[in-house]
C-alpha cells in the first residue's frame, strides 16, 4: 500500500501540450520514509490522442545513502470505445486478444 499526494502540477498549452507534476508520499512497508518524484507528459498535438513522457521516484530518507532515482519512460494512446467495453471484462478472451494485438502493434516512442 502507498499514499501519494500531488504537490504541484502545471500545464503548458503550446504546439505540443505538456503536463508536469510533482508528488510526495509513503509506502506502508517503508515505515514512514518519505518518497517523492515527478513526471512530464508531452502530447503529440491538441487532439490529446497520443503522448509520451517519463516519471521518476526516489526514497528521500535513503538519498544520502546512495538511493537510486528510478526514471521510467512511457507512451500513451487513447483507447477506442470498443476497447473500453472489451476491457470491462479483463479476463475475457476478447480482452486477452486485444492486449496481445496492442502489444504486437505497439509503436516505439
C-alpha atoms as a PDB file:
ATOM      1  CA  UNK A   1       0.000   0.000   0.000  1.00  0.00           C
ATOM      2  CA  UNK A   2       1.121   3.533  -0.727  1.00  0.00           C
ATOM      3  CA  UNK A   3      -0.261   7.012  -0.140  1.00  0.00           C
ATOM      4  CA  UNK A   4       0.679   9.624  -2.787  1.00  0.00           C
ATOM      5  CA  UNK A   5      -0.245  13.285  -2.762  1.00  0.00           C
ATOM      6  CA  UNK A   6       0.258  15.719  -5.611  1.00  0.00           C
ATOM      7  CA  UNK A   7       2.432  18.637  -4.535  1.00  0.00           C
ATOM      8  CA  UNK A   8       2.242  20.690  -7.730  1.00  0.00           C
ATOM      9  CA  UNK A   9       1.004  20.345 -11.300  1.00  0.00           C
ATOM     10  CA  UNK A  10       1.401  22.529 -14.326  1.00  0.00           C
ATOM     11  CA  UNK A  11       0.022  22.637 -17.851  1.00  0.00           C
ATOM     12  CA  UNK A  12       1.644  24.338 -20.821  1.00  0.00           C
ATOM     13  CA  UNK A  13      -0.621  24.816 -23.874  1.00  0.00           C
ATOM     14  CA  UNK A  14       1.853  25.133 -26.721  1.00  0.00           C
ATOM     15  CA  UNK A  15       2.039  23.303 -30.073  1.00  0.00           C
ATOM     16  CA  UNK A  16       2.613  20.140 -28.053  1.00  0.00           C
ATOM     17  CA  UNK A  17       0.714  20.465 -24.754  1.00  0.00           C
ATOM     18  CA  UNK A  18       2.698  19.494 -21.648  1.00  0.00           C
ATOM     19  CA  UNK A  19       1.673  18.341 -18.191  1.00  0.00           C
ATOM     20  CA  UNK A  20       4.211  18.462 -15.353  1.00  0.00           C
ATOM     21  CA  UNK A  21       3.613  17.096 -11.884  1.00  0.00           C
ATOM     22  CA  UNK A  22       5.403  16.566  -8.591  1.00  0.00           C
ATOM     23  CA  UNK A  23       4.297  14.242  -5.794  1.00  0.00           C
ATOM     24  CA  UNK A  24       5.279  13.012  -2.330  1.00  0.00           C
ATOM     25  CA  UNK A  25       4.108  10.008  -0.408  1.00  0.00           C
ATOM     26  CA  UNK A  26       4.846   6.986   1.729  1.00  0.00           C
ATOM     27  CA  UNK A  27       4.884   3.203   1.372  1.00  0.00           C
ATOM     28  CA  UNK A  28       3.238   1.233   4.145  1.00  0.00           C
ATOM     29  CA  UNK A  29       6.175  -1.228   4.105  1.00  0.00           C
ATOM     30  CA  UNK A  30       8.758   1.590   4.429  1.00  0.00           C
ATOM     31  CA  UNK A  31       7.609   2.694   7.917  1.00  0.00           C
ATOM     32  CA  UNK A  32       7.163   6.412   7.374  1.00  0.00           C
ATOM     33  CA  UNK A  33      10.022   7.009   4.946  1.00  0.00           C
ATOM     34  CA  UNK A  34       9.151   9.827   2.560  1.00  0.00           C
ATOM     35  CA  UNK A  35       9.211   9.156  -1.171  1.00  0.00           C
ATOM     36  CA  UNK A  36       8.864  11.713  -3.906  1.00  0.00           C
ATOM     37  CA  UNK A  37       9.040  12.178  -7.603  1.00  0.00           C
ATOM     38  CA  UNK A  38       7.520  13.808 -10.588  1.00  0.00           C
ATOM     39  CA  UNK A  39       6.895  13.468 -14.253  1.00  0.00           C
ATOM     40  CA  UNK A  40       6.275  15.035 -17.607  1.00  0.00           C
ATOM     41  CA  UNK A  41       3.713  14.140 -20.274  1.00  0.00           C
ATOM     42  CA  UNK A  42       4.128  15.602 -23.784  1.00  0.00           C
ATOM     43  CA  UNK A  43       1.087  15.261 -26.043  1.00  0.00           C
ATOM     44  CA  UNK A  44       1.725  14.983 -29.789  1.00  0.00           C
ATOM     45  CA  UNK A  45      -0.885  17.638 -30.571  1.00  0.00           C
ATOM     46  CA  UNK A  46      -4.048  19.291 -29.242  1.00  0.00           C
ATOM     47  CA  UNK A  47      -6.203  16.233 -30.004  1.00  0.00           C
ATOM     48  CA  UNK A  48      -4.650  14.671 -26.852  1.00  0.00           C
ATOM     49  CA  UNK A  49      -4.850  11.225 -28.519  1.00  0.00           C
ATOM     50  CA  UNK A  50      -1.188  10.230 -28.074  1.00  0.00           C
ATOM     51  CA  UNK A  51       1.636  11.272 -25.788  1.00  0.00           C
ATOM     52  CA  UNK A  52       4.950  10.198 -24.352  1.00  0.00           C
ATOM     53  CA  UNK A  53       6.736  11.056 -21.178  1.00  0.00           C
ATOM     54  CA  UNK A  54       8.519   9.904 -18.089  1.00  0.00           C
ATOM     55  CA  UNK A  55       8.087   9.778 -14.341  1.00  0.00           C
ATOM     56  CA  UNK A  56      10.591   9.267 -11.564  1.00  0.00           C
ATOM     57  CA  UNK A  57      10.652   8.429  -7.884  1.00  0.00           C
ATOM     58  CA  UNK A  58      13.167   8.177  -5.073  1.00  0.00           C
ATOM     59  CA  UNK A  59      13.242   7.442  -1.359  1.00  0.00           C
ATOM     60  CA  UNK A  60      14.184  10.740   0.319  1.00  0.00           C
ATOM     61  CA  UNK A  61      15.105   9.016   3.567  1.00  0.00           C
ATOM     62  CA  UNK A  62      17.794   6.987   1.776  1.00  0.00           C
ATOM     63  CA  UNK A  63      19.092   9.593  -0.682  1.00  0.00           C
ATOM     64  CA  UNK A  64      22.280  10.309   1.310  1.00  0.00           C
ATOM     65  CA  UNK A  65      22.975   6.556   1.368  1.00  0.00           C
ATOM     66  CA  UNK A  66      23.057   6.452  -2.445  1.00  0.00           C
ATOM     67  CA  UNK A  67      19.404   5.640  -3.088  1.00  0.00           C
ATOM     68  CA  UNK A  68      18.812   5.446  -6.829  1.00  0.00           C
ATOM     69  CA  UNK A  69      16.234   7.644  -8.515  1.00  0.00           C
ATOM     70  CA  UNK A  70      14.323   5.460 -10.959  1.00  0.00           C
ATOM     71  CA  UNK A  71      13.214   7.046 -14.234  1.00  0.00           C
ATOM     72  CA  UNK A  72      10.523   5.278 -16.254  1.00  0.00           C
ATOM     73  CA  UNK A  73       9.547   6.267 -19.800  1.00  0.00           C
ATOM     74  CA  UNK A  74       6.146   5.577 -21.340  1.00  0.00           C
ATOM     75  CA  UNK A  75       3.883   6.154 -24.322  1.00  0.00           C
ATOM     76  CA  UNK A  76       0.141   6.839 -24.132  1.00  0.00           C
ATOM     77  CA  UNK A  77      -2.502   6.020 -26.731  1.00  0.00           C
ATOM     78  CA  UNK A  78      -6.206   6.783 -26.323  1.00  0.00           C
ATOM     79  CA  UNK A  79      -8.438   3.693 -26.265  1.00  0.00           C
ATOM     80  CA  UNK A  80     -11.444   3.369 -28.524  1.00  0.00           C
ATOM     81  CA  UNK A  81     -14.941   2.968 -27.053  1.00  0.00           C
ATOM     82  CA  UNK A  82     -14.835  -0.657 -28.267  1.00  0.00           C
ATOM     83  CA  UNK A  83     -11.527  -1.234 -26.423  1.00  0.00           C
ATOM     84  CA  UNK A  84     -13.031   0.122 -23.205  1.00  0.00           C
ATOM     85  CA  UNK A  85     -16.023  -2.202 -23.475  1.00  0.00           C
ATOM     86  CA  UNK A  86     -13.758  -5.230 -24.030  1.00  0.00           C
ATOM     87  CA  UNK A  87     -11.606  -4.342 -21.017  1.00  0.00           C
ATOM     88  CA  UNK A  88     -14.628  -4.166 -18.700  1.00  0.00           C
ATOM     89  CA  UNK A  89     -14.173  -7.970 -18.597  1.00  0.00           C
ATOM     90  CA  UNK A  90     -10.373  -8.030 -18.221  1.00  0.00           C
ATOM     91  CA  UNK A  91     -10.017 -11.825 -18.163  1.00  0.00           C
ATOM     92  CA  UNK A  92     -12.220 -12.488 -21.197  1.00  0.00           C
ATOM     93  CA  UNK A  93     -10.925 -13.946 -24.458  1.00  0.00           C
ATOM     94  CA  UNK A  94     -11.740 -10.626 -26.191  1.00  0.00           C
ATOM     95  CA  UNK A  95      -9.698  -8.639 -23.663  1.00  0.00           C
ATOM     96  CA  UNK A  96      -6.764 -11.049 -23.922  1.00  0.00           C
ATOM     97  CA  UNK A  97      -6.866 -10.854 -27.727  1.00  0.00           C
ATOM     98  CA  UNK A  98      -6.942  -7.045 -27.575  1.00  0.00           C
ATOM     99  CA  UNK A  99      -3.947  -6.983 -25.221  1.00  0.00           C
ATOM    100  CA  UNK A 100      -1.970  -9.354 -27.470  1.00  0.00           C
ATOM    101  CA  UNK A 101      -2.855  -7.216 -30.524  1.00  0.00           C
ATOM    102  CA  UNK A 102      -1.866  -3.945 -28.811  1.00  0.00           C
ATOM    103  CA  UNK A 103       1.464  -5.399 -27.664  1.00  0.00           C
ATOM    104  CA  UNK A 104       2.196  -6.786 -31.139  1.00  0.00           C
ATOM    105  CA  UNK A 105       1.460  -3.417 -32.797  1.00  0.00           C
ATOM    106  CA  UNK A 106       2.978  -1.150 -30.147  1.00  0.00           C
ATOM    107  CA  UNK A 107       4.725   1.780 -31.763  1.00  0.00           C
ATOM    108  CA  UNK A 108       8.035   2.880 -30.358  1.00  0.00           C
ATOM    109  CA  UNK A 109       8.121   6.395 -28.953  1.00  0.00           C
END
